[in-house]
């Protein structure tokens, strides 16, 4: 994948970087090759304090009793709420196009992928 750029156009007061002199700001976001590849995660653990939300993205493997945090994102409570709303909006649009997402119930914890438990 080549290096890409994402341009976001924000209306006045819709983002925290408001500039009263320029109501239609442009934010140039660079995406390097390593980040563009993404990291697969099949479990997220979310915790919070009074100042921040911590989202740990974890990859669990079948038959392996230990999982690793692959990425940790820290956000303010306001950003966490905007993320929640953006996810809800995108899920609604996805389901409108492709049908309802099924099987989203909370899985039993710890998750069991089946197969033998790994031994050293």
C-alpha atoms as a PDB file:
ATOM      1  CA  UNK A   1       0.000   0.000   0.000  1.00  0.00           C
ATOM      2  CA  UNK A   2       1.236   3.453  -0.784  1.00  0.00           C
ATOM      3  CA  UNK A   3       1.146   6.394   1.525  1.00  0.00           C
ATOM      4  CA  UNK A   4      -2.281   7.950   1.569  1.00  0.00           C
ATOM      5  CA  UNK A   5      -3.847  11.137   2.803  1.00  0.00           C
ATOM      6  CA  UNK A   6      -7.253  11.704   4.281  1.00  0.00           C
ATOM      7  CA  UNK A   7      -8.780  15.145   4.116  1.00  0.00           C
ATOM      8  CA  UNK A   8     -11.432  16.091   6.647  1.00  0.00           C
ATOM      9  CA  UNK A   9     -13.570  19.162   6.182  1.00  0.00           C
ATOM     10  CA  UNK A  10     -15.098  20.387   9.431  1.00  0.00           C
ATOM     11  CA  UNK A  11     -17.925  22.856   9.811  1.00  0.00           C
ATOM     12  CA  UNK A  12     -17.551  25.564  12.406  1.00  0.00           C
ATOM     13  CA  UNK A  13     -18.118  24.330  15.981  1.00  0.00           C
ATOM     14  CA  UNK A  14     -18.189  20.678  14.910  1.00  0.00           C
ATOM     15  CA  UNK A  15     -14.636  19.977  16.046  1.00  0.00           C
ATOM     16  CA  UNK A  16     -12.471  21.196  18.911  1.00  0.00           C
ATOM     17  CA  UNK A  17     -10.015  22.890  16.547  1.00  0.00           C
ATOM     18  CA  UNK A  18     -12.471  25.613  15.564  1.00  0.00           C
ATOM     19  CA  UNK A  19     -11.039  28.740  14.062  1.00  0.00           C
ATOM     20  CA  UNK A  20     -13.563  31.587  13.907  1.00  0.00           C
ATOM     21  CA  UNK A  21     -11.575  33.104  11.031  1.00  0.00           C
ATOM     22  CA  UNK A  22     -12.005  29.965   8.885  1.00  0.00           C
ATOM     23  CA  UNK A  23     -15.295  28.061   9.439  1.00  0.00           C
ATOM     24  CA  UNK A  24     -14.431  25.390   6.821  1.00  0.00           C
ATOM     25  CA  UNK A  25     -11.024  24.266   7.998  1.00  0.00           C
ATOM     26  CA  UNK A  26      -9.103  21.523   6.260  1.00  0.00           C
ATOM     27  CA  UNK A  27      -7.179  18.936   8.255  1.00  0.00           C
ATOM     28  CA  UNK A  28      -4.513  17.026   6.359  1.00  0.00           C
ATOM     29  CA  UNK A  29      -3.988  13.566   7.905  1.00  0.00           C
ATOM     30  CA  UNK A  30      -1.116  11.396   6.734  1.00  0.00           C
ATOM     31  CA  UNK A  31      -1.317   7.599   6.843  1.00  0.00           C
ATOM     32  CA  UNK A  32       2.045   5.828   6.615  1.00  0.00           C
ATOM     33  CA  UNK A  33       2.441   2.325   5.170  1.00  0.00           C
ATOM     34  CA  UNK A  34       2.852   0.556   8.511  1.00  0.00           C
ATOM     35  CA  UNK A  35      -0.289   2.066  10.020  1.00  0.00           C
ATOM     36  CA  UNK A  36      -2.234   1.604   6.756  1.00  0.00           C
ATOM     37  CA  UNK A  37      -1.792  -2.185   7.046  1.00  0.00           C
ATOM     38  CA  UNK A  38      -3.899  -2.123  10.207  1.00  0.00           C
ATOM     39  CA  UNK A  39      -3.876  -4.483  13.151  1.00  0.00           C
ATOM     40  CA  UNK A  40      -6.440  -7.267  13.469  1.00  0.00           C
ATOM     41  CA  UNK A  41      -8.238  -7.413  16.799  1.00  0.00           C
ATOM     42  CA  UNK A  42     -11.013  -9.728  17.941  1.00  0.00           C
ATOM     43  CA  UNK A  43     -11.391  -8.356  21.474  1.00  0.00           C
ATOM     44  CA  UNK A  44     -11.406  -4.872  22.964  1.00  0.00           C
ATOM     45  CA  UNK A  45     -11.143  -4.021  26.641  1.00  0.00           C
ATOM     46  CA  UNK A  46     -12.294  -0.537  27.609  1.00  0.00           C
ATOM     47  CA  UNK A  47     -11.537   1.160  30.913  1.00  0.00           C
ATOM     48  CA  UNK A  48     -11.676   4.757  32.082  1.00  0.00           C
ATOM     49  CA  UNK A  49     -10.641   7.306  34.665  1.00  0.00           C
ATOM     50  CA  UNK A  50     -12.110  10.739  35.247  1.00  0.00           C
ATOM     51  CA  UNK A  51      -9.793  12.163  32.544  1.00  0.00           C
ATOM     52  CA  UNK A  52      -9.485   9.488  29.841  1.00  0.00           C
ATOM     53  CA  UNK A  53     -10.789   6.327  28.254  1.00  0.00           C
ATOM     54  CA  UNK A  54      -8.327   3.533  27.484  1.00  0.00           C
ATOM     55  CA  UNK A  55      -9.186   1.131  24.674  1.00  0.00           C
ATOM     56  CA  UNK A  56      -6.968  -1.959  24.407  1.00  0.00           C
ATOM     57  CA  UNK A  57      -7.299  -3.887  21.150  1.00  0.00           C
ATOM     58  CA  UNK A  58      -6.384  -7.539  21.680  1.00  0.00           C
ATOM     59  CA  UNK A  59      -5.854 -10.495  19.367  1.00  0.00           C
ATOM     60  CA  UNK A  60      -6.822 -13.889  20.758  1.00  0.00           C
ATOM     61  CA  UNK A  61      -5.674 -17.031  18.963  1.00  0.00           C
ATOM     62  CA  UNK A  62      -7.436 -20.413  18.933  1.00  0.00           C
ATOM     63  CA  UNK A  63      -6.243 -22.751  21.660  1.00  0.00           C
ATOM     64  CA  UNK A  64      -3.822 -20.222  23.126  1.00  0.00           C
ATOM     65  CA  UNK A  65      -4.679 -19.243  26.713  1.00  0.00           C
ATOM     66  CA  UNK A  66      -2.683 -15.999  26.570  1.00  0.00           C
ATOM     67  CA  UNK A  67      -3.585 -12.983  24.445  1.00  0.00           C
ATOM     68  CA  UNK A  68      -1.600  -9.842  23.652  1.00  0.00           C
ATOM     69  CA  UNK A  69      -2.640  -6.233  23.506  1.00  0.00           C
ATOM     70  CA  UNK A  70      -1.838  -5.221  19.933  1.00  0.00           C
ATOM     71  CA  UNK A  71      -2.720  -1.545  20.257  1.00  0.00           C
ATOM     72  CA  UNK A  72      -3.751   0.854  23.022  1.00  0.00           C
ATOM     73  CA  UNK A  73      -5.660   4.050  22.308  1.00  0.00           C
ATOM     74  CA  UNK A  74      -6.228   6.753  24.932  1.00  0.00           C
ATOM     75  CA  UNK A  75      -8.927   9.361  24.343  1.00  0.00           C
ATOM     76  CA  UNK A  76     -10.702  12.071  26.299  1.00  0.00           C
ATOM     77  CA  UNK A  77     -14.263  11.382  27.497  1.00  0.00           C
ATOM     78  CA  UNK A  78     -15.574  13.753  24.815  1.00  0.00           C
ATOM     79  CA  UNK A  79     -13.688  11.926  22.073  1.00  0.00           C
ATOM     80  CA  UNK A  80     -14.918   8.576  23.443  1.00  0.00           C
ATOM     81  CA  UNK A  81     -18.505   9.760  23.137  1.00  0.00           C
ATOM     82  CA  UNK A  82     -17.920  11.067  19.589  1.00  0.00           C
ATOM     83  CA  UNK A  83     -16.334   7.710  18.703  1.00  0.00           C
ATOM     84  CA  UNK A  84     -19.371   5.877  20.113  1.00  0.00           C
ATOM     85  CA  UNK A  85     -21.726   8.068  18.051  1.00  0.00           C
ATOM     86  CA  UNK A  86     -19.603   7.654  14.899  1.00  0.00           C
ATOM     87  CA  UNK A  87     -19.573   3.863  15.324  1.00  0.00           C
ATOM     88  CA  UNK A  88     -23.358   3.801  15.850  1.00  0.00           C
ATOM     89  CA  UNK A  89     -23.840   5.931  12.714  1.00  0.00           C
ATOM     90  CA  UNK A  90     -21.536   3.714  10.638  1.00  0.00           C
ATOM     91  CA  UNK A  91     -23.140   0.503  11.912  1.00  0.00           C
ATOM     92  CA  UNK A  92     -26.585   1.842  10.988  1.00  0.00           C
ATOM     93  CA  UNK A  93     -25.340   2.713   7.477  1.00  0.00           C
ATOM     94  CA  UNK A  94     -23.669  -0.704   7.146  1.00  0.00           C
ATOM     95  CA  UNK A  95     -26.847  -2.533   8.175  1.00  0.00           C
ATOM     96  CA  UNK A  96     -28.892  -0.401   5.785  1.00  0.00           C
ATOM     97  CA  UNK A  97     -26.648  -1.558   2.935  1.00  0.00           C
ATOM     98  CA  UNK A  98     -25.849  -5.147   3.930  1.00  0.00           C
ATOM     99  CA  UNK A  99     -28.482  -6.238   6.440  1.00  0.00           C
ATOM    100  CA  UNK A 100     -28.496  -6.614  10.197  1.00  0.00           C
ATOM    101  CA  UNK A 101     -25.291  -7.731  11.869  1.00  0.00           C
ATOM    102  CA  UNK A 102     -26.074 -10.969  13.680  1.00  0.00           C
ATOM    103  CA  UNK A 103     -24.244 -12.847  16.401  1.00  0.00           C
ATOM    104  CA  UNK A 104     -23.149  -9.774  18.300  1.00  0.00           C
ATOM    105  CA  UNK A 105     -24.161 -11.053  21.737  1.00  0.00           C
ATOM    106  CA  UNK A 106     -21.467 -10.882  24.383  1.00  0.00           C
ATOM    107  CA  UNK A 107     -19.424 -14.081  24.061  1.00  0.00           C
ATOM    108  CA  UNK A 108     -18.607 -16.071  27.188  1.00  0.00           C
ATOM    109  CA  UNK A 109     -15.372 -15.010  28.809  1.00  0.00           C
ATOM    110  CA  UNK A 110     -12.807 -16.307  28.415  1.00  0.00           C
ATOM    111  CA  UNK A 111     -13.573 -16.841  24.768  1.00  0.00           C
ATOM    112  CA  UNK A 112     -12.950 -20.370  23.554  1.00  0.00           C
ATOM    113  CA  UNK A 113     -12.069 -20.838  19.915  1.00  0.00           C
ATOM    114  CA  UNK A 114     -12.204 -24.617  20.260  1.00  0.00           C
ATOM    115  CA  UNK A 115      -9.415 -27.017  19.527  1.00  0.00           C
ATOM    116  CA  UNK A 116      -6.714 -28.206  21.877  1.00  0.00           C
ATOM    117  CA  UNK A 117      -5.154 -25.898  24.454  1.00  0.00           C
ATOM    118  CA  UNK A 118      -1.598 -25.019  23.487  1.00  0.00           C
ATOM    119  CA  UNK A 119       1.141 -26.652  25.544  1.00  0.00           C
ATOM    120  CA  UNK A 120       4.837 -25.932  25.653  1.00  0.00           C
END
